[in-house]
N, C-alpha and C. Protein backbone atom coordinates (compact mmCIF):
# COMPACT_ATOMS: atom_id res chain seq x y z
N UNK A 1 22.08 29.76 -28.13
CA UNK A 1 23.24 28.90 -27.95
C UNK A 1 23.61 28.77 -26.48
N UNK A 2 23.50 29.90 -25.75
CA UNK A 2 23.85 29.87 -24.34
C UNK A 2 22.94 28.91 -23.58
N UNK A 3 21.61 28.96 -23.89
CA UNK A 3 20.67 28.06 -23.21
C UNK A 3 20.98 26.61 -23.53
N UNK A 4 21.34 26.34 -24.78
CA UNK A 4 21.67 24.98 -25.17
C UNK A 4 22.90 24.49 -24.43
N UNK A 5 23.91 25.36 -24.29
CA UNK A 5 25.13 24.97 -23.59
C UNK A 5 24.85 24.67 -22.13
N UNK A 6 23.99 25.50 -21.51
CA UNK A 6 23.63 25.27 -20.11
C UNK A 6 22.88 23.96 -19.96
N UNK A 7 21.95 23.68 -20.88
CA UNK A 7 21.18 22.44 -20.81
C UNK A 7 22.08 21.23 -20.95
N UNK A 8 23.06 21.31 -21.87
CA UNK A 8 23.99 20.19 -22.05
C UNK A 8 24.83 19.99 -20.79
N UNK A 9 25.26 21.08 -20.18
CA UNK A 9 26.07 20.98 -18.96
C UNK A 9 25.29 20.35 -17.83
N UNK A 10 24.02 20.75 -17.67
CA UNK A 10 23.17 20.18 -16.61
C UNK A 10 22.98 18.69 -16.83
N UNK A 11 22.70 18.28 -18.09
CA UNK A 11 22.51 16.87 -18.38
C UNK A 11 23.78 16.09 -18.08
N UNK A 12 24.93 16.66 -18.40
CA UNK A 12 26.19 15.97 -18.14
C UNK A 12 26.39 15.75 -16.65
N UNK A 13 26.02 16.74 -15.84
CA UNK A 13 26.14 16.59 -14.39
C UNK A 13 25.23 15.51 -13.87
N UNK A 14 24.00 15.45 -14.40
CA UNK A 14 23.06 14.42 -13.98
C UNK A 14 23.60 13.04 -14.28
N UNK A 15 24.10 12.87 -15.48
CA UNK A 15 24.60 11.56 -15.88
C UNK A 15 25.86 11.20 -15.13
N UNK A 16 26.63 12.20 -14.72
CA UNK A 16 27.87 11.93 -14.01
C UNK A 16 27.62 11.57 -12.57
N UNK A 17 26.47 11.98 -12.01
CA UNK A 17 26.19 11.76 -10.60
C UNK A 17 26.40 10.34 -10.18
N UNK A 18 25.65 9.40 -10.75
CA UNK A 18 25.83 8.00 -10.43
C UNK A 18 25.65 7.15 -11.66
N UNK A 19 25.99 7.66 -12.79
CA UNK A 19 26.00 6.89 -14.02
C UNK A 19 27.43 6.88 -14.53
N UNK A 20 28.18 5.83 -14.15
CA UNK A 20 29.59 5.83 -14.45
C UNK A 20 29.92 4.66 -15.35
N UNK A 21 31.19 4.37 -15.53
CA UNK A 21 31.59 3.28 -16.40
C UNK A 21 32.45 2.30 -15.63
N UNK A 22 32.08 1.03 -15.71
CA UNK A 22 32.86 -0.03 -15.11
C UNK A 22 34.05 -0.30 -16.02
N UNK A 23 35.26 -0.03 -15.53
CA UNK A 23 36.43 -0.12 -16.38
C UNK A 23 36.70 -1.54 -16.86
N UNK A 24 36.18 -2.53 -16.18
CA UNK A 24 36.43 -3.91 -16.58
C UNK A 24 35.54 -4.34 -17.73
N UNK A 25 34.39 -3.69 -17.89
CA UNK A 25 33.46 -4.10 -18.93
C UNK A 25 33.14 -3.00 -19.93
N UNK A 26 33.38 -1.75 -19.53
CA UNK A 26 33.03 -0.64 -20.41
C UNK A 26 31.56 -0.35 -20.46
N UNK A 27 30.77 -1.03 -19.63
CA UNK A 27 29.32 -0.83 -19.64
C UNK A 27 28.95 0.30 -18.69
N UNK A 28 27.93 1.09 -19.04
CA UNK A 28 27.46 2.11 -18.11
C UNK A 28 26.87 1.45 -16.89
N UNK A 29 27.07 2.07 -15.75
CA UNK A 29 26.55 1.49 -14.52
C UNK A 29 25.67 2.51 -13.81
N UNK A 30 24.74 2.00 -13.04
CA UNK A 30 23.86 2.84 -12.23
C UNK A 30 23.91 2.30 -10.82
N UNK A 31 24.71 2.91 -9.98
CA UNK A 31 24.75 2.55 -8.57
C UNK A 31 25.53 1.29 -8.31
N UNK A 32 24.98 0.12 -8.63
CA UNK A 32 25.55 -1.11 -8.16
C UNK A 32 26.51 -1.80 -9.09
N UNK A 33 26.81 -1.29 -10.28
CA UNK A 33 27.76 -1.93 -11.15
C UNK A 33 27.11 -2.50 -12.39
N UNK A 34 27.93 -3.13 -13.23
CA UNK A 34 27.43 -3.58 -14.52
C UNK A 34 26.66 -4.88 -14.42
N UNK A 35 26.84 -5.64 -13.33
CA UNK A 35 26.09 -6.87 -13.15
C UNK A 35 24.82 -6.58 -12.37
N UNK A 36 23.93 -7.58 -12.34
CA UNK A 36 22.72 -7.41 -11.55
C UNK A 36 23.09 -7.26 -10.08
N UNK A 37 22.17 -6.65 -9.32
CA UNK A 37 22.43 -6.42 -7.91
C UNK A 37 22.41 -7.71 -7.11
N UNK A 38 22.85 -7.59 -5.85
CA UNK A 38 22.87 -8.73 -4.95
C UNK A 38 21.48 -9.09 -4.46
N UNK A 39 21.42 -10.14 -3.66
CA UNK A 39 20.15 -10.65 -3.14
C UNK A 39 19.58 -9.69 -2.10
N UNK A 40 18.45 -9.03 -2.39
CA UNK A 40 17.90 -8.05 -1.46
C UNK A 40 17.15 -8.66 -0.29
N UNK A 41 17.01 -9.98 -0.29
CA UNK A 41 16.26 -10.63 0.79
C UNK A 41 17.08 -11.73 1.46
N UNK A 42 18.40 -11.58 1.43
CA UNK A 42 19.27 -12.55 2.10
C UNK A 42 19.11 -12.44 3.61
N UNK A 43 19.60 -13.42 4.33
CA UNK A 43 19.46 -13.43 5.79
C UNK A 43 20.15 -12.22 6.41
N UNK A 44 21.31 -11.85 5.90
CA UNK A 44 22.04 -10.72 6.47
C UNK A 44 21.31 -9.40 6.20
N UNK A 45 20.72 -9.28 5.02
CA UNK A 45 19.96 -8.06 4.70
C UNK A 45 18.72 -7.97 5.58
N UNK A 46 18.05 -9.08 5.76
CA UNK A 46 16.87 -9.10 6.63
C UNK A 46 17.22 -8.68 8.05
N UNK A 47 18.32 -9.22 8.55
CA UNK A 47 18.75 -8.88 9.91
C UNK A 47 19.11 -7.41 10.01
N UNK A 48 19.80 -6.89 9.00
CA UNK A 48 20.19 -5.48 9.01
C UNK A 48 19.00 -4.54 8.97
N UNK A 49 18.00 -4.89 8.19
CA UNK A 49 16.79 -4.07 8.10
C UNK A 49 16.06 -4.03 9.44
N UNK A 50 15.99 -5.17 10.11
CA UNK A 50 15.35 -5.21 11.42
C UNK A 50 16.11 -4.36 12.43
N UNK A 51 17.44 -4.48 12.41
CA UNK A 51 18.26 -3.71 13.35
C UNK A 51 18.15 -2.21 13.09
N UNK A 52 18.00 -1.83 11.82
CA UNK A 52 17.91 -0.42 11.46
C UNK A 52 16.53 0.17 11.75
N UNK A 53 15.55 -0.69 11.98
CA UNK A 53 14.19 -0.21 12.23
C UNK A 53 13.46 0.23 10.98
N UNK A 54 13.90 -0.26 9.81
CA UNK A 54 13.20 0.07 8.56
C UNK A 54 11.82 -0.58 8.57
N UNK A 55 10.80 0.20 8.28
CA UNK A 55 9.43 -0.30 8.34
C UNK A 55 9.15 -1.27 7.19
N UNK A 56 8.28 -2.23 7.40
CA UNK A 56 8.00 -3.24 6.36
C UNK A 56 7.17 -2.68 5.22
N UNK A 57 7.20 -3.37 4.10
CA UNK A 57 6.41 -2.95 2.94
C UNK A 57 4.91 -3.00 3.22
N UNK A 58 4.51 -3.78 4.21
CA UNK A 58 3.09 -3.86 4.55
C UNK A 58 2.55 -2.53 5.06
N UNK A 59 3.44 -1.60 5.41
CA UNK A 59 3.01 -0.27 5.85
C UNK A 59 2.62 0.63 4.68
N UNK A 60 2.95 0.23 3.46
CA UNK A 60 2.67 1.08 2.30
C UNK A 60 1.18 1.11 1.98
N UNK A 61 0.65 2.28 1.58
CA UNK A 61 -0.76 2.37 1.19
C UNK A 61 -0.95 1.79 -0.22
N UNK A 62 -1.57 0.63 -0.29
CA UNK A 62 -1.76 -0.06 -1.57
C UNK A 62 -3.23 -0.25 -1.86
N UNK A 63 -3.61 -0.09 -3.12
CA UNK A 63 -4.97 -0.39 -3.54
C UNK A 63 -5.17 -1.89 -3.50
N UNK A 64 -6.43 -2.32 -3.38
CA UNK A 64 -6.72 -3.75 -3.37
C UNK A 64 -6.25 -4.40 -4.66
N UNK A 65 -5.80 -5.63 -4.56
CA UNK A 65 -5.39 -6.37 -5.75
C UNK A 65 -6.55 -6.46 -6.72
N UNK A 66 -6.30 -6.15 -7.97
CA UNK A 66 -7.34 -6.20 -8.98
C UNK A 66 -8.12 -4.92 -9.12
N UNK A 67 -7.87 -3.96 -8.23
CA UNK A 67 -8.59 -2.68 -8.33
C UNK A 67 -8.15 -1.95 -9.58
N UNK A 68 -9.09 -1.34 -10.26
CA UNK A 68 -8.79 -0.63 -11.50
C UNK A 68 -8.22 0.75 -11.19
N UNK A 69 -7.20 1.09 -11.91
CA UNK A 69 -6.61 2.41 -11.78
C UNK A 69 -6.37 3.00 -13.16
N UNK A 70 -5.76 4.18 -13.20
CA UNK A 70 -5.53 4.81 -14.49
C UNK A 70 -4.24 4.33 -15.13
N UNK A 71 -3.51 3.44 -14.44
CA UNK A 71 -2.30 2.87 -15.02
C UNK A 71 -1.14 3.83 -15.11
N UNK A 72 -1.15 4.91 -14.30
CA UNK A 72 -0.07 5.88 -14.39
C UNK A 72 1.25 5.30 -13.92
N UNK A 73 1.22 4.48 -12.89
CA UNK A 73 2.44 3.81 -12.44
C UNK A 73 2.53 2.45 -13.11
N UNK A 74 3.72 2.03 -13.50
CA UNK A 74 3.87 0.74 -14.19
C UNK A 74 3.57 -0.43 -13.27
N UNK A 75 3.05 -1.49 -13.84
CA UNK A 75 2.75 -2.71 -13.08
C UNK A 75 4.01 -3.55 -12.97
N UNK A 76 4.91 -3.11 -12.10
CA UNK A 76 6.16 -3.82 -11.86
C UNK A 76 6.14 -4.38 -10.45
N UNK A 77 6.43 -5.65 -10.32
CA UNK A 77 6.47 -6.32 -9.02
C UNK A 77 7.91 -6.29 -8.52
N UNK A 78 8.16 -5.57 -7.42
CA UNK A 78 9.52 -5.43 -6.90
C UNK A 78 9.62 -6.01 -5.50
N UNK A 79 10.73 -6.68 -5.19
CA UNK A 79 10.90 -7.26 -3.86
C UNK A 79 11.12 -6.19 -2.80
N UNK A 80 10.70 -6.51 -1.58
CA UNK A 80 10.97 -5.64 -0.45
C UNK A 80 12.41 -5.84 0.00
N UNK A 81 13.13 -4.76 0.24
CA UNK A 81 14.50 -4.86 0.69
C UNK A 81 14.52 -5.38 2.13
N UNK A 82 15.06 -6.58 2.29
CA UNK A 82 15.17 -7.16 3.62
C UNK A 82 13.86 -7.60 4.23
N UNK A 83 12.83 -7.76 3.39
CA UNK A 83 11.53 -8.17 3.92
C UNK A 83 10.91 -9.26 3.09
N UNK A 84 9.73 -9.68 3.50
CA UNK A 84 9.03 -10.74 2.78
C UNK A 84 8.26 -10.17 1.59
N UNK A 85 8.14 -10.99 0.56
CA UNK A 85 7.25 -10.67 -0.54
C UNK A 85 7.73 -9.53 -1.42
N UNK A 86 6.76 -8.97 -2.15
CA UNK A 86 7.04 -7.93 -3.13
C UNK A 86 5.86 -6.98 -3.20
N UNK A 87 6.04 -5.90 -3.95
CA UNK A 87 5.00 -4.88 -4.09
C UNK A 87 4.81 -4.58 -5.58
N UNK A 88 3.56 -4.53 -6.00
CA UNK A 88 3.21 -4.11 -7.36
C UNK A 88 3.10 -2.58 -7.35
N UNK A 89 3.99 -1.92 -8.03
CA UNK A 89 4.01 -0.45 -8.01
C UNK A 89 2.70 0.17 -8.46
N UNK A 90 1.97 -0.51 -9.33
CA UNK A 90 0.72 0.06 -9.83
C UNK A 90 -0.34 0.16 -8.74
N UNK A 91 -0.13 -0.51 -7.61
CA UNK A 91 -1.09 -0.45 -6.50
C UNK A 91 -0.75 0.64 -5.48
N UNK A 92 0.40 1.28 -5.63
CA UNK A 92 0.81 2.30 -4.67
C UNK A 92 -0.08 3.53 -4.77
N UNK A 93 -0.51 4.02 -3.64
CA UNK A 93 -1.32 5.23 -3.57
C UNK A 93 -0.58 6.28 -2.74
N UNK A 94 -0.86 7.53 -3.04
CA UNK A 94 -0.15 8.60 -2.36
C UNK A 94 -1.05 9.42 -1.45
N UNK A 95 -0.64 10.64 -1.20
CA UNK A 95 0.54 11.26 -1.76
C UNK A 95 1.82 10.56 -1.29
N UNK A 96 2.73 10.37 -2.25
CA UNK A 96 3.94 9.61 -1.96
C UNK A 96 5.14 10.16 -2.72
N UNK A 97 6.30 9.96 -2.14
CA UNK A 97 7.57 10.30 -2.76
C UNK A 97 8.35 9.00 -2.89
N UNK A 98 8.73 8.65 -4.11
CA UNK A 98 9.51 7.43 -4.36
C UNK A 98 10.91 7.86 -4.80
N UNK A 99 11.89 7.49 -3.99
CA UNK A 99 13.27 7.92 -4.24
C UNK A 99 14.13 6.75 -4.72
N UNK A 100 14.71 6.90 -5.92
CA UNK A 100 15.60 5.91 -6.50
C UNK A 100 17.03 6.20 -6.03
N UNK A 101 17.71 5.18 -5.50
CA UNK A 101 19.04 5.42 -4.95
C UNK A 101 19.87 4.14 -4.99
N UNK A 102 21.14 4.24 -4.61
CA UNK A 102 22.02 3.08 -4.47
C UNK A 102 23.11 3.45 -3.48
N UNK A 103 23.70 2.44 -2.86
CA UNK A 103 24.63 2.70 -1.76
C UNK A 103 25.93 3.36 -2.19
N UNK A 104 26.37 3.17 -3.43
CA UNK A 104 27.64 3.77 -3.86
C UNK A 104 27.44 5.07 -4.63
N UNK A 105 26.25 5.62 -4.55
CA UNK A 105 25.93 6.90 -5.21
C UNK A 105 26.13 8.03 -4.20
N UNK A 106 27.16 8.85 -4.42
CA UNK A 106 27.48 9.90 -3.45
C UNK A 106 26.33 10.89 -3.24
N UNK A 107 25.71 11.43 -4.31
CA UNK A 107 24.58 12.34 -4.07
C UNK A 107 23.44 11.67 -3.31
N UNK A 108 23.25 10.36 -3.53
CA UNK A 108 22.22 9.63 -2.80
C UNK A 108 22.54 9.61 -1.31
N UNK A 109 23.80 9.35 -0.99
CA UNK A 109 24.21 9.28 0.42
C UNK A 109 23.97 10.61 1.12
N UNK A 110 24.18 11.70 0.40
CA UNK A 110 23.99 13.02 0.99
C UNK A 110 22.51 13.39 1.11
N UNK A 111 21.69 12.78 0.26
CA UNK A 111 20.26 13.11 0.21
C UNK A 111 19.43 12.31 1.21
N UNK A 112 19.86 11.09 1.53
CA UNK A 112 19.05 10.20 2.36
C UNK A 112 18.65 10.80 3.71
N UNK A 113 19.56 11.47 4.44
CA UNK A 113 19.13 12.06 5.71
C UNK A 113 18.00 13.08 5.56
N UNK A 114 17.96 13.78 4.43
CA UNK A 114 16.89 14.75 4.18
C UNK A 114 15.55 14.03 4.00
N UNK A 115 15.58 12.92 3.28
CA UNK A 115 14.36 12.13 3.08
C UNK A 115 13.89 11.51 4.39
N UNK A 116 14.85 11.08 5.22
CA UNK A 116 14.49 10.53 6.53
C UNK A 116 13.79 11.59 7.38
N UNK A 117 14.30 12.80 7.33
CA UNK A 117 13.67 13.90 8.08
C UNK A 117 12.28 14.20 7.53
N UNK A 118 12.14 14.19 6.20
CA UNK A 118 10.83 14.42 5.58
C UNK A 118 9.83 13.37 6.06
N UNK A 119 10.25 12.13 6.11
CA UNK A 119 9.38 11.06 6.58
C UNK A 119 8.93 11.30 8.01
N UNK A 120 9.85 11.72 8.86
CA UNK A 120 9.50 11.97 10.27
C UNK A 120 8.57 13.17 10.39
N UNK A 121 8.82 14.22 9.61
CA UNK A 121 8.05 15.46 9.75
C UNK A 121 6.63 15.36 9.21
N UNK A 122 6.42 14.53 8.20
CA UNK A 122 5.10 14.47 7.55
C UNK A 122 4.21 13.37 8.11
N UNK A 123 4.77 12.37 8.75
CA UNK A 123 3.95 11.32 9.35
C UNK A 123 3.01 10.66 8.36
N UNK A 124 1.73 10.58 8.74
CA UNK A 124 0.73 9.91 7.90
C UNK A 124 0.28 10.76 6.71
N UNK A 125 0.71 11.99 6.63
CA UNK A 125 0.27 12.86 5.54
C UNK A 125 1.01 12.60 4.23
N UNK A 126 2.13 11.90 4.31
CA UNK A 126 2.94 11.63 3.12
C UNK A 126 3.65 10.30 3.30
N UNK A 127 3.68 9.51 2.23
CA UNK A 127 4.41 8.25 2.23
C UNK A 127 5.74 8.44 1.52
N UNK A 128 6.82 8.07 2.18
CA UNK A 128 8.14 8.10 1.57
C UNK A 128 8.57 6.65 1.33
N UNK A 129 9.01 6.38 0.11
CA UNK A 129 9.41 5.02 -0.28
C UNK A 129 10.81 5.09 -0.89
N UNK A 130 11.69 4.21 -0.46
CA UNK A 130 13.00 4.10 -1.07
C UNK A 130 13.01 2.97 -2.09
N UNK A 131 13.77 3.16 -3.17
CA UNK A 131 13.89 2.11 -4.18
C UNK A 131 15.38 1.94 -4.49
N UNK A 132 15.96 0.92 -3.89
CA UNK A 132 17.39 0.64 -4.03
C UNK A 132 17.64 -0.03 -5.38
N UNK A 133 18.37 0.66 -6.27
CA UNK A 133 18.49 0.24 -7.66
C UNK A 133 19.80 -0.50 -7.92
N UNK A 134 19.70 -1.71 -8.43
CA UNK A 134 20.84 -2.48 -8.95
C UNK A 134 22.05 -2.41 -8.02
N UNK A 135 21.80 -2.59 -6.75
CA UNK A 135 22.86 -2.45 -5.75
C UNK A 135 23.62 -3.75 -5.61
N UNK A 136 24.91 -3.73 -5.93
CA UNK A 136 25.72 -4.94 -5.86
C UNK A 136 25.88 -5.42 -4.42
N UNK A 137 25.69 -4.53 -3.46
CA UNK A 137 25.88 -4.89 -2.05
C UNK A 137 24.69 -4.39 -1.23
N UNK A 138 23.60 -5.15 -1.20
CA UNK A 138 22.43 -4.71 -0.42
C UNK A 138 22.74 -4.53 1.06
N UNK A 139 23.71 -5.27 1.58
CA UNK A 139 24.09 -5.08 2.99
C UNK A 139 24.64 -3.68 3.21
N UNK A 140 25.41 -3.17 2.25
CA UNK A 140 25.92 -1.80 2.35
C UNK A 140 24.78 -0.80 2.27
N UNK A 141 23.77 -1.11 1.47
CA UNK A 141 22.60 -0.24 1.37
C UNK A 141 21.88 -0.14 2.72
N UNK A 142 21.73 -1.27 3.37
CA UNK A 142 21.06 -1.29 4.67
C UNK A 142 21.89 -0.54 5.71
N UNK A 143 23.20 -0.73 5.68
CA UNK A 143 24.08 -0.02 6.61
C UNK A 143 23.99 1.49 6.40
N UNK A 144 23.92 1.90 5.14
CA UNK A 144 23.79 3.33 4.84
C UNK A 144 22.45 3.86 5.34
N UNK A 145 21.40 3.10 5.14
CA UNK A 145 20.08 3.51 5.63
C UNK A 145 20.11 3.71 7.14
N UNK A 146 20.79 2.81 7.82
CA UNK A 146 20.86 2.93 9.29
C UNK A 146 21.62 4.18 9.69
N UNK A 147 22.76 4.44 9.05
CA UNK A 147 23.54 5.64 9.38
C UNK A 147 22.76 6.91 9.08
N UNK A 148 21.90 6.85 8.08
CA UNK A 148 21.14 8.02 7.66
C UNK A 148 19.83 8.17 8.42
N UNK A 149 19.57 7.26 9.35
CA UNK A 149 18.34 7.24 10.16
C UNK A 149 17.10 7.05 9.29
N UNK A 150 17.27 6.29 8.23
CA UNK A 150 16.15 5.98 7.33
C UNK A 150 15.34 4.83 7.91
N UNK A 151 14.05 5.05 8.10
CA UNK A 151 13.17 3.99 8.59
C UNK A 151 11.96 3.78 7.68
N UNK A 152 11.84 4.56 6.61
CA UNK A 152 10.70 4.38 5.70
C UNK A 152 10.90 3.13 4.85
N UNK A 153 9.81 2.53 4.36
CA UNK A 153 9.89 1.25 3.63
C UNK A 153 10.80 1.32 2.41
N UNK A 154 11.45 0.19 2.13
CA UNK A 154 12.41 0.12 1.03
C UNK A 154 12.07 -1.02 0.08
N UNK A 155 12.04 -0.71 -1.20
CA UNK A 155 11.92 -1.72 -2.25
C UNK A 155 13.29 -1.90 -2.90
N UNK A 156 13.43 -2.95 -3.68
CA UNK A 156 14.70 -3.21 -4.36
C UNK A 156 14.44 -3.56 -5.82
N UNK A 157 15.33 -3.08 -6.67
CA UNK A 157 15.26 -3.39 -8.10
C UNK A 157 16.63 -3.91 -8.55
N UNK A 158 16.95 -5.16 -8.21
CA UNK A 158 18.30 -5.68 -8.48
C UNK A 158 18.63 -5.81 -9.96
N UNK A 159 17.63 -5.95 -10.82
CA UNK A 159 17.90 -6.11 -12.25
C UNK A 159 17.52 -4.87 -13.07
N UNK A 160 17.24 -3.78 -12.39
CA UNK A 160 16.97 -2.48 -13.02
C UNK A 160 15.78 -2.53 -13.98
N UNK A 161 14.71 -3.16 -13.57
CA UNK A 161 13.50 -3.24 -14.40
C UNK A 161 12.81 -1.88 -14.50
N UNK A 162 13.06 -0.99 -13.56
CA UNK A 162 12.41 0.32 -13.57
C UNK A 162 13.08 1.31 -14.52
N UNK A 163 14.21 0.96 -15.05
CA UNK A 163 14.99 1.92 -15.84
C UNK A 163 14.20 2.53 -17.00
N UNK A 164 13.58 1.68 -17.82
CA UNK A 164 12.83 2.19 -18.96
C UNK A 164 11.50 2.79 -18.56
N UNK A 165 10.80 2.14 -17.63
CA UNK A 165 9.47 2.59 -17.24
C UNK A 165 9.49 3.98 -16.60
N UNK A 166 10.57 4.28 -15.87
CA UNK A 166 10.67 5.57 -15.19
C UNK A 166 11.72 6.49 -15.83
N UNK A 167 12.29 6.05 -16.96
CA UNK A 167 13.30 6.84 -17.66
C UNK A 167 14.40 7.29 -16.71
N UNK A 168 14.99 6.32 -16.02
CA UNK A 168 16.04 6.62 -15.06
C UNK A 168 17.34 6.89 -15.81
N UNK A 169 17.78 8.14 -15.79
CA UNK A 169 19.01 8.54 -16.47
C UNK A 169 20.22 8.45 -15.56
N UNK A 170 19.99 8.52 -14.29
CA UNK A 170 21.05 8.48 -13.29
C UNK A 170 20.42 8.54 -11.92
N UNK A 171 21.24 8.42 -10.90
CA UNK A 171 20.75 8.45 -9.52
C UNK A 171 21.36 9.63 -8.79
N UNK A 172 20.59 10.20 -7.83
CA UNK A 172 19.23 9.83 -7.44
C UNK A 172 18.18 10.39 -8.40
N UNK A 173 17.00 9.82 -8.30
CA UNK A 173 15.82 10.31 -9.02
C UNK A 173 14.63 10.18 -8.08
N UNK A 174 13.74 11.17 -8.12
CA UNK A 174 12.59 11.16 -7.22
C UNK A 174 11.30 11.33 -8.02
N UNK A 175 10.35 10.45 -7.74
CA UNK A 175 9.04 10.45 -8.40
C UNK A 175 7.98 10.84 -7.39
N UNK A 176 7.04 11.68 -7.80
CA UNK A 176 5.97 12.15 -6.94
C UNK A 176 4.65 11.53 -7.40
N UNK A 177 3.93 10.92 -6.46
CA UNK A 177 2.71 10.17 -6.76
C UNK A 177 1.54 10.77 -5.98
N UNK A 178 0.43 11.04 -6.67
CA UNK A 178 -0.72 11.64 -5.98
C UNK A 178 -1.59 10.57 -5.33
N UNK A 179 -2.68 11.01 -4.71
CA UNK A 179 -3.53 10.09 -3.93
C UNK A 179 -4.16 9.01 -4.78
N UNK A 180 -4.31 9.24 -6.07
CA UNK A 180 -4.91 8.26 -6.97
C UNK A 180 -3.87 7.32 -7.60
N UNK A 181 -2.62 7.48 -7.19
CA UNK A 181 -1.57 6.62 -7.72
C UNK A 181 -0.99 7.10 -9.04
N UNK A 182 -1.24 8.36 -9.38
CA UNK A 182 -0.73 8.91 -10.63
C UNK A 182 0.63 9.56 -10.42
N UNK A 183 1.54 9.30 -11.33
CA UNK A 183 2.87 9.90 -11.28
C UNK A 183 2.75 11.32 -11.82
N UNK A 184 2.83 12.31 -10.93
CA UNK A 184 2.57 13.69 -11.33
C UNK A 184 3.84 14.47 -11.66
N UNK A 185 4.99 13.98 -11.21
CA UNK A 185 6.24 14.69 -11.50
C UNK A 185 7.43 13.77 -11.24
N UNK A 186 8.51 14.06 -11.94
CA UNK A 186 9.79 13.37 -11.73
C UNK A 186 10.89 14.42 -11.67
N UNK A 187 11.73 14.33 -10.65
CA UNK A 187 12.87 15.25 -10.55
C UNK A 187 14.15 14.43 -10.58
N UNK A 188 15.05 14.80 -11.48
CA UNK A 188 16.29 14.05 -11.69
C UNK A 188 17.50 14.84 -11.19
N UNK A 189 17.34 15.46 -10.05
CA UNK A 189 18.43 16.21 -9.43
C UNK A 189 18.52 15.80 -7.96
N UNK A 190 19.71 15.80 -7.38
CA UNK A 190 19.81 15.51 -5.95
C UNK A 190 19.37 16.72 -5.13
N UNK A 191 18.73 16.47 -4.02
CA UNK A 191 18.34 17.54 -3.11
C UNK A 191 19.51 17.79 -2.15
N UNK A 192 19.98 19.01 -2.13
CA UNK A 192 21.13 19.34 -1.29
C UNK A 192 20.73 20.09 -0.03
N UNK A 193 19.45 20.43 0.08
CA UNK A 193 18.97 21.09 1.30
C UNK A 193 17.55 20.63 1.58
N UNK A 194 17.17 20.72 2.85
CA UNK A 194 15.82 20.32 3.23
C UNK A 194 14.79 21.25 2.61
N UNK A 195 15.15 22.52 2.47
CA UNK A 195 14.23 23.49 1.86
C UNK A 195 13.93 23.11 0.41
N UNK A 196 14.94 22.65 -0.32
CA UNK A 196 14.71 22.23 -1.71
C UNK A 196 13.76 21.04 -1.77
N UNK A 197 13.97 20.08 -0.88
CA UNK A 197 13.14 18.88 -0.87
C UNK A 197 11.70 19.21 -0.50
N UNK A 198 11.51 19.95 0.58
CA UNK A 198 10.15 20.27 1.00
C UNK A 198 9.45 21.18 -0.01
N UNK A 199 10.23 22.03 -0.68
CA UNK A 199 9.65 22.86 -1.72
C UNK A 199 9.09 22.02 -2.86
N UNK A 200 9.80 20.97 -3.23
CA UNK A 200 9.33 20.07 -4.29
C UNK A 200 8.07 19.34 -3.86
N UNK A 201 8.01 18.93 -2.59
CA UNK A 201 6.83 18.24 -2.08
C UNK A 201 5.61 19.16 -2.11
N UNK A 202 5.80 20.39 -1.70
CA UNK A 202 4.68 21.35 -1.74
C UNK A 202 4.25 21.63 -3.18
N UNK A 203 5.21 21.76 -4.05
CA UNK A 203 4.93 22.11 -5.44
C UNK A 203 4.17 21.01 -6.17
N UNK A 204 4.59 19.77 -5.98
CA UNK A 204 4.02 18.67 -6.75
C UNK A 204 2.85 17.97 -6.06
N UNK A 205 2.85 17.96 -4.72
CA UNK A 205 1.82 17.20 -4.00
C UNK A 205 0.97 18.05 -3.07
N UNK A 206 1.33 19.33 -2.91
CA UNK A 206 0.59 20.24 -2.04
C UNK A 206 0.51 19.70 -0.61
N UNK A 207 1.60 19.10 -0.18
CA UNK A 207 1.72 18.63 1.20
C UNK A 207 2.69 19.55 1.92
N UNK A 208 2.28 20.03 3.07
CA UNK A 208 3.11 20.93 3.86
C UNK A 208 3.86 20.13 4.92
N UNK A 209 5.18 20.00 4.80
CA UNK A 209 5.96 19.25 5.82
C UNK A 209 5.90 19.93 7.17
């Protein structure tokens, strides 16, 4: 019974992190509200991304179009936040860390500087990717990225298409992808220290920051 109570308490904390209720609609929200997110490729978002120094999606390690894979990552085409075009997640190759976040998610705001540091410390040995989920204000997301010194590539999911495919229960959520593009682990807890984050990277991807 004690273990069950602890498990229920942990799940409640996860869902409370950034899964709240919009009082006007009564619908559960994830980050950006009950409506679809804003335009992730508007002129202001593009300008903000350039000013923040966020790297383009073209920097991501992608398999050739049409290349056969094991299908571990879903074939979802997501727009680049503040950039041109989109990325098919099934083409992403690792080792990579994909972090689901939103600008109004407090644990996400606290976690982003740690991910930015991880990106700087690992260089070409690890790919860090941000995935801004259902964000009602993409401009706020870009401003937060700038304050957090985030420069790794950012994708956007304004209509939350990743929710079912990645079983997103709340934000933040982090997915670990190996060199073959296989999703090897998912962690649904916020990282509150750099040691926790780097420990997860070593454990799941055997990459030493």
